[in-house]
Amino acid sequence: MKVPPTLSVVLGNLLKKPATNPFPEKEPVPVPEGFRGKLIYHVDKCVGCRLCVTVCPAGVFEYIPEIRKVTLWLGRCVFCKQCVDVCPVNALEMSDEFLLATYDKYDDSLRWLKNDEIEKMIEEKKKTQKKPAQK
Protein backbone atom coordinates (compact mmCIF):
# COMPACT_ATOMS: atom_id res chain seq x y z
CA MET A 1 0.00 0.00 0.00
CA LYS A 2 1.33 3.40 -1.06
CA VAL A 3 1.34 6.26 1.52
CA PRO A 4 -0.23 9.48 0.17
CA PRO A 5 2.27 12.37 -0.03
CA THR A 6 0.06 14.66 2.08
CA LEU A 7 0.13 12.19 4.98
CA SER A 8 3.91 12.46 5.26
CA VAL A 9 3.64 16.28 5.31
CA VAL A 10 0.96 16.20 8.02
CA LEU A 11 2.95 13.78 10.18
CA GLY A 12 6.11 15.83 9.71
CA ASN A 13 4.32 19.03 10.79
CA LEU A 14 3.02 17.37 13.94
CA LEU A 15 6.58 17.11 15.23
CA LYS A 16 7.61 20.71 14.41
CA LYS A 17 7.25 23.79 16.60
CA PRO A 18 4.36 26.16 15.72
CA ALA A 19 5.19 28.70 13.01
CA THR A 20 2.99 31.40 14.50
CA ASN A 21 3.58 33.75 17.41
CA PRO A 22 1.67 32.78 20.59
CA PHE A 23 0.47 36.39 20.82
CA PRO A 24 -1.72 36.67 23.88
CA GLU A 25 0.92 34.93 25.97
CA LYS A 26 3.89 36.94 24.66
CA GLU A 27 4.48 40.40 23.25
CA PRO A 28 3.55 40.85 19.59
CA VAL A 29 6.28 40.43 17.01
CA PRO A 30 7.85 43.67 15.75
CA VAL A 31 6.27 44.76 12.50
CA PRO A 32 8.38 44.74 9.35
CA GLU A 33 9.34 47.82 7.33
CA GLY A 34 6.47 49.02 5.13
CA PHE A 35 3.80 47.39 7.31
CA ARG A 36 0.28 48.60 6.54
CA GLY A 37 -1.45 49.07 9.89
CA LYS A 38 -4.14 51.44 11.16
CA LEU A 39 -4.83 54.42 8.93
CA ILE A 40 -3.95 57.84 10.38
CA TYR A 41 -5.85 60.90 9.14
CA HIS A 42 -4.43 64.41 9.61
CA VAL A 43 -7.59 66.51 9.47
CA ASP A 44 -5.76 69.83 9.39
CA LYS A 45 -3.81 68.87 6.25
CA CYS A 46 -6.86 67.66 4.29
CA VAL A 47 -7.95 69.98 1.46
CA GLY A 48 -11.12 68.08 0.57
CA CYS A 49 -10.08 66.93 -2.90
CA ARG A 50 -11.99 63.61 -2.51
CA LEU A 51 -9.34 61.51 -4.29
CA CYS A 52 -9.35 59.08 -1.36
CA VAL A 53 -13.13 58.67 -1.70
CA THR A 54 -12.74 57.92 -5.40
CA VAL A 55 -9.91 55.41 -5.11
CA CYS A 56 -11.00 53.45 -2.01
CA PRO A 57 -12.27 49.97 -2.97
CA ALA A 58 -13.91 49.34 0.42
CA GLY A 59 -15.90 52.57 0.83
CA VAL A 60 -14.05 53.65 3.97
CA PHE A 61 -14.37 57.39 3.30
CA GLU A 62 -17.45 59.58 3.56
CA TYR A 63 -17.18 63.16 2.27
CA ILE A 64 -18.68 65.96 4.38
CA PRO A 65 -19.29 68.90 2.03
CA GLU A 66 -20.05 71.46 4.77
CA ILE A 67 -16.49 71.32 6.11
CA ARG A 68 -14.77 69.94 3.01
CA LYS A 69 -13.28 67.00 4.94
CA VAL A 70 -13.77 63.25 5.04
CA THR A 71 -14.59 60.86 7.85
CA LEU A 72 -13.25 57.32 7.93
CA TRP A 73 -14.84 54.03 8.92
CA LEU A 74 -11.81 51.84 9.72
CA GLY A 75 -14.03 48.81 10.28
CA ARG A 76 -14.38 48.66 6.48
CA CYS A 77 -10.71 49.23 5.64
CA VAL A 78 -8.79 46.48 3.81
CA PHE A 79 -5.43 48.26 4.38
CA CYS A 80 -4.58 48.45 0.68
CA LYS A 81 -2.86 51.87 1.04
CA GLN A 82 -4.31 53.26 -2.20
CA CYS A 83 -5.70 56.31 -0.38
CA VAL A 84 -2.27 57.08 1.11
CA ASP A 85 -0.60 56.86 -2.29
CA VAL A 86 -3.14 59.14 -4.00
CA CYS A 87 -3.40 61.89 -1.32
CA PRO A 88 -1.70 65.04 -2.73
CA VAL A 89 -1.08 66.67 0.67
CA ASN A 90 -0.10 63.57 2.68
CA ALA A 91 -3.10 63.85 5.01
CA LEU A 92 -3.26 60.05 5.23
CA GLU A 93 -0.60 57.63 6.42
CA MET A 94 -0.34 54.05 7.63
CA SER A 95 0.81 53.33 11.18
CA ASP A 96 2.36 50.27 12.78
CA GLU A 97 -0.71 49.68 14.95
CA PHE A 98 -2.50 46.43 14.19
CA LEU A 99 -4.44 45.67 17.37
CA LEU A 100 -7.85 46.83 16.12
CA ALA A 101 -10.06 43.93 17.18
CA THR A 102 -13.50 44.84 18.53
CA TYR A 103 -16.94 43.31 18.71
CA ASP A 104 -18.60 46.39 17.22
CA LYS A 105 -17.62 47.49 13.72
CA TYR A 106 -19.11 50.94 14.47
CA ASP A 107 -16.97 51.41 17.58
CA ASP A 108 -15.74 55.00 18.06
CA SER A 109 -12.13 53.82 18.14
CA LEU A 110 -12.53 52.79 14.47
CA ARG A 111 -13.86 56.13 13.25
CA TRP A 112 -12.28 59.51 12.59
CA LEU A 113 -14.41 62.64 13.00
CA LYS A 114 -17.35 61.51 15.07
CA ASN A 115 -20.75 63.20 14.68
CA ASP A 116 -20.24 65.69 17.52
CA GLU A 117 -16.83 66.70 16.13
CA ILE A 118 -18.35 67.21 12.67
CA GLU A 119 -21.13 69.40 14.10
CA LYS A 120 -18.57 71.45 16.05
CA MET A 121 -16.47 71.99 12.92
CA ILE A 122 -19.56 73.06 10.94
CA GLU A 123 -20.48 75.60 13.65
CA GLU A 124 -16.93 76.98 13.72
CA LYS A 125 -16.91 77.34 9.95
CA LYS A 126 -20.25 79.21 10.03
CA LYS A 127 -18.90 81.58 12.70
CA THR A 128 -15.79 82.37 10.65
CA GLN A 129 -17.91 83.01 7.55
CA LYS A 130 -20.22 85.43 9.43
CA LYS A 131 -17.40 87.55 10.91
CA PRO A 132 -16.12 89.09 7.63
CA ALA A 133 -19.70 89.87 6.54
CA GLN A 134 -20.37 91.87 9.74
CA LYS A 135 -17.44 94.27 9.23
C-alpha atoms as a PDB file:
ATOM      1  CA  MET A   1       0.000   0.000   0.000  1.00  0.00           C
ATOM      2  CA  LYS A   2       1.330   3.396  -1.056  1.00  0.00           C
ATOM      3  CA  VAL A   3       1.338   6.257   1.520  1.00  0.00           C
ATOM      4  CA  PRO A   4      -0.229   9.480   0.166  1.00  0.00           C
ATOM      5  CA  PRO A   5       2.267  12.370  -0.033  1.00  0.00           C
ATOM      6  CA  THR A   6       0.060  14.655   2.077  1.00  0.00           C
ATOM      7  CA  LEU A   7       0.132  12.190   4.978  1.00  0.00           C
ATOM      8  CA  SER A   8       3.913  12.457   5.256  1.00  0.00           C
ATOM      9  CA  VAL A   9       3.635  16.284   5.305  1.00  0.00           C
ATOM     10  CA  VAL A  10       0.961  16.198   8.022  1.00  0.00           C
ATOM     11  CA  LEU A  11       2.947  13.782  10.181  1.00  0.00           C
ATOM     12  CA  GLY A  12       6.108  15.832   9.708  1.00  0.00           C
ATOM     13  CA  ASN A  13       4.324  19.032  10.793  1.00  0.00           C
ATOM     14  CA  LEU A  14       3.018  17.372  13.944  1.00  0.00           C
ATOM     15  CA  LEU A  15       6.581  17.113  15.231  1.00  0.00           C
ATOM     16  CA  LYS A  16       7.610  20.711  14.409  1.00  0.00           C
ATOM     17  CA  LYS A  17       7.249  23.792  16.597  1.00  0.00           C
ATOM     18  CA  PRO A  18       4.357  26.165  15.718  1.00  0.00           C
ATOM     19  CA  ALA A  19       5.192  28.696  13.011  1.00  0.00           C
ATOM     20  CA  THR A  20       2.990  31.399  14.499  1.00  0.00           C
ATOM     21  CA  ASN A  21       3.576  33.750  17.412  1.00  0.00           C
ATOM     22  CA  PRO A  22       1.670  32.777  20.593  1.00  0.00           C
ATOM     23  CA  PHE A  23       0.468  36.386  20.817  1.00  0.00           C
ATOM     24  CA  PRO A  24      -1.721  36.669  23.882  1.00  0.00           C
ATOM     25  CA  GLU A  25       0.924  34.926  25.967  1.00  0.00           C
ATOM     26  CA  LYS A  26       3.889  36.935  24.664  1.00  0.00           C
ATOM     27  CA  GLU A  27       4.476  40.404  23.252  1.00  0.00           C
ATOM     28  CA  PRO A  28       3.554  40.849  19.586  1.00  0.00           C
ATOM     29  CA  VAL A  29       6.277  40.431  17.007  1.00  0.00           C
ATOM     30  CA  PRO A  30       7.854  43.673  15.754  1.00  0.00           C
ATOM     31  CA  VAL A  31       6.269  44.759  12.503  1.00  0.00           C
ATOM     32  CA  PRO A  32       8.384  44.742   9.347  1.00  0.00           C
ATOM     33  CA  GLU A  33       9.338  47.823   7.335  1.00  0.00           C
ATOM     34  CA  GLY A  34       6.475  49.022   5.129  1.00  0.00           C
ATOM     35  CA  PHE A  35       3.804  47.390   7.311  1.00  0.00           C
ATOM     36  CA  ARG A  36       0.279  48.600   6.541  1.00  0.00           C
ATOM     37  CA  GLY A  37      -1.454  49.067   9.886  1.00  0.00           C
ATOM     38  CA  LYS A  38      -4.135  51.441  11.159  1.00  0.00           C
ATOM     39  CA  LEU A  39      -4.831  54.416   8.928  1.00  0.00           C
ATOM     40  CA  ILE A  40      -3.948  57.843  10.381  1.00  0.00           C
ATOM     41  CA  TYR A  41      -5.847  60.900   9.138  1.00  0.00           C
ATOM     42  CA  HIS A  42      -4.426  64.409   9.610  1.00  0.00           C
ATOM     43  CA  VAL A  43      -7.593  66.505   9.471  1.00  0.00           C
ATOM     44  CA  ASP A  44      -5.760  69.829   9.393  1.00  0.00           C
ATOM     45  CA  LYS A  45      -3.809  68.867   6.250  1.00  0.00           C
ATOM     46  CA  CYS A  46      -6.856  67.663   4.295  1.00  0.00           C
ATOM     47  CA  VAL A  47      -7.953  69.982   1.460  1.00  0.00           C
ATOM     48  CA  GLY A  48     -11.121  68.082   0.566  1.00  0.00           C
ATOM     49  CA  CYS A  49     -10.078  66.927  -2.905  1.00  0.00           C
ATOM     50  CA  ARG A  50     -11.994  63.612  -2.510  1.00  0.00           C
ATOM     51  CA  LEU A  51      -9.339  61.509  -4.290  1.00  0.00           C
ATOM     52  CA  CYS A  52      -9.351  59.081  -1.360  1.00  0.00           C
ATOM     53  CA  VAL A  53     -13.127  58.674  -1.704  1.00  0.00           C
ATOM     54  CA  THR A  54     -12.736  57.923  -5.399  1.00  0.00           C
ATOM     55  CA  VAL A  55      -9.911  55.405  -5.114  1.00  0.00           C
ATOM     56  CA  CYS A  56     -10.997  53.452  -2.006  1.00  0.00           C
ATOM     57  CA  PRO A  57     -12.273  49.971  -2.975  1.00  0.00           C
ATOM     58  CA  ALA A  58     -13.910  49.344   0.424  1.00  0.00           C
ATOM     59  CA  GLY A  59     -15.902  52.574   0.830  1.00  0.00           C
ATOM     60  CA  VAL A  60     -14.050  53.653   3.965  1.00  0.00           C
ATOM     61  CA  PHE A  61     -14.365  57.388   3.300  1.00  0.00           C
ATOM     62  CA  GLU A  62     -17.445  59.579   3.556  1.00  0.00           C
ATOM     63  CA  TYR A  63     -17.184  63.163   2.272  1.00  0.00           C
ATOM     64  CA  ILE A  64     -18.675  65.956   4.385  1.00  0.00           C
ATOM     65  CA  PRO A  65     -19.287  68.901   2.034  1.00  0.00           C
ATOM     66  CA  GLU A  66     -20.045  71.462   4.775  1.00  0.00           C
ATOM     67  CA  ILE A  67     -16.490  71.317   6.111  1.00  0.00           C
ATOM     68  CA  ARG A  68     -14.767  69.942   3.006  1.00  0.00           C
ATOM     69  CA  LYS A  69     -13.276  67.004   4.939  1.00  0.00           C
ATOM     70  CA  VAL A  70     -13.774  63.246   5.037  1.00  0.00           C
ATOM     71  CA  THR A  71     -14.590  60.864   7.848  1.00  0.00           C
ATOM     72  CA  LEU A  72     -13.251  57.321   7.933  1.00  0.00           C
ATOM     73  CA  TRP A  73     -14.840  54.027   8.920  1.00  0.00           C
ATOM     74  CA  LEU A  74     -11.811  51.843   9.724  1.00  0.00           C
ATOM     75  CA  GLY A  75     -14.029  48.815  10.278  1.00  0.00           C
ATOM     76  CA  ARG A  76     -14.383  48.656   6.482  1.00  0.00           C
ATOM     77  CA  CYS A  77     -10.706  49.233   5.638  1.00  0.00           C
ATOM     78  CA  VAL A  78      -8.787  46.483   3.814  1.00  0.00           C
ATOM     79  CA  PHE A  79      -5.431  48.258   4.378  1.00  0.00           C
ATOM     80  CA  CYS A  80      -4.584  48.448   0.681  1.00  0.00           C
ATOM     81  CA  LYS A  81      -2.862  51.875   1.040  1.00  0.00           C
ATOM     82  CA  GLN A  82      -4.311  53.264  -2.204  1.00  0.00           C
ATOM     83  CA  CYS A  83      -5.695  56.311  -0.377  1.00  0.00           C
ATOM     84  CA  VAL A  84      -2.272  57.080   1.110  1.00  0.00           C
ATOM     85  CA  ASP A  85      -0.604  56.861  -2.291  1.00  0.00           C
ATOM     86  CA  VAL A  86      -3.136  59.141  -3.998  1.00  0.00           C
ATOM     87  CA  CYS A  87      -3.399  61.895  -1.325  1.00  0.00           C
ATOM     88  CA  PRO A  88      -1.698  65.039  -2.729  1.00  0.00           C
ATOM     89  CA  VAL A  89      -1.085  66.672   0.673  1.00  0.00           C
ATOM     90  CA  ASN A  90      -0.096  63.565   2.685  1.00  0.00           C
ATOM     91  CA  ALA A  91      -3.101  63.853   5.006  1.00  0.00           C
ATOM     92  CA  LEU A  92      -3.258  60.054   5.235  1.00  0.00           C
ATOM     93  CA  GLU A  93      -0.599  57.627   6.416  1.00  0.00           C
ATOM     94  CA  MET A  94      -0.336  54.052   7.631  1.00  0.00           C
ATOM     95  CA  SER A  95       0.811  53.333  11.179  1.00  0.00           C
ATOM     96  CA  ASP A  96       2.364  50.266  12.782  1.00  0.00           C
ATOM     97  CA  GLU A  97      -0.714  49.683  14.952  1.00  0.00           C
ATOM     98  CA  PHE A  98      -2.495  46.433  14.185  1.00  0.00           C
ATOM     99  CA  LEU A  99      -4.440  45.671  17.366  1.00  0.00           C
ATOM    100  CA  LEU A 100      -7.847  46.827  16.121  1.00  0.00           C
ATOM    101  CA  ALA A 101     -10.058  43.929  17.184  1.00  0.00           C
ATOM    102  CA  THR A 102     -13.497  44.844  18.535  1.00  0.00           C
ATOM    103  CA  TYR A 103     -16.937  43.306  18.706  1.00  0.00           C
ATOM    104  CA  ASP A 104     -18.602  46.394  17.218  1.00  0.00           C
ATOM    105  CA  LYS A 105     -17.617  47.494  13.716  1.00  0.00           C
ATOM    106  CA  TYR A 106     -19.110  50.936  14.470  1.00  0.00           C
ATOM    107  CA  ASP A 107     -16.968  51.408  17.577  1.00  0.00           C
ATOM    108  CA  ASP A 108     -15.744  55.002  18.056  1.00  0.00           C
ATOM    109  CA  SER A 109     -12.131  53.820  18.137  1.00  0.00           C
ATOM    110  CA  LEU A 110     -12.530  52.790  14.471  1.00  0.00           C
ATOM    111  CA  ARG A 111     -13.859  56.133  13.255  1.00  0.00           C
ATOM    112  CA  TRP A 112     -12.284  59.511  12.592  1.00  0.00           C
ATOM    113  CA  LEU A 113     -14.408  62.639  13.004  1.00  0.00           C
ATOM    114  CA  LYS A 114     -17.351  61.511  15.065  1.00  0.00           C
ATOM    115  CA  ASN A 115     -20.754  63.200  14.676  1.00  0.00           C
ATOM    116  CA  ASP A 116     -20.243  65.687  17.518  1.00  0.00           C
ATOM    117  CA  GLU A 117     -16.830  66.696  16.134  1.00  0.00           C
ATOM    118  CA  ILE A 118     -18.352  67.207  12.674  1.00  0.00           C
ATOM    119  CA  GLU A 119     -21.129  69.398  14.097  1.00  0.00           C
ATOM    120  CA  LYS A 120     -18.572  71.446  16.051  1.00  0.00           C
ATOM    121  CA  MET A 121     -16.475  71.991  12.916  1.00  0.00           C
ATOM    122  CA  ILE A 122     -19.561  73.064  10.942  1.00  0.00           C
ATOM    123  CA  GLU A 123     -20.484  75.598  13.654  1.00  0.00           C
ATOM    124  CA  GLU A 124     -16.927  76.980  13.721  1.00  0.00           C
ATOM    125  CA  LYS A 125     -16.914  77.339   9.950  1.00  0.00           C
ATOM    126  CA  LYS A 126     -20.254  79.205  10.034  1.00  0.00           C
ATOM    127  CA  LYS A 127     -18.896  81.578  12.699  1.00  0.00           C
ATOM    128  CA  THR A 128     -15.785  82.369  10.655  1.00  0.00           C
ATOM    129  CA  GLN A 129     -17.912  83.010   7.554  1.00  0.00           C
ATOM    130  CA  LYS A 130     -20.219  85.426   9.427  1.00  0.00           C
ATOM    131  CA  LYS A 131     -17.395  87.547  10.915  1.00  0.00           C
ATOM    132  CA  PRO A 132     -16.115  89.089   7.632  1.00  0.00           C
ATOM    133  CA  ALA A 133     -19.697  89.873   6.539  1.00  0.00           C
ATOM    134  CA  GLN A 134     -20.372  91.872   9.736  1.00  0.00           C
ATOM    135  CA  LYS A 135     -17.442  94.267   9.232  1.00  0.00           C
END
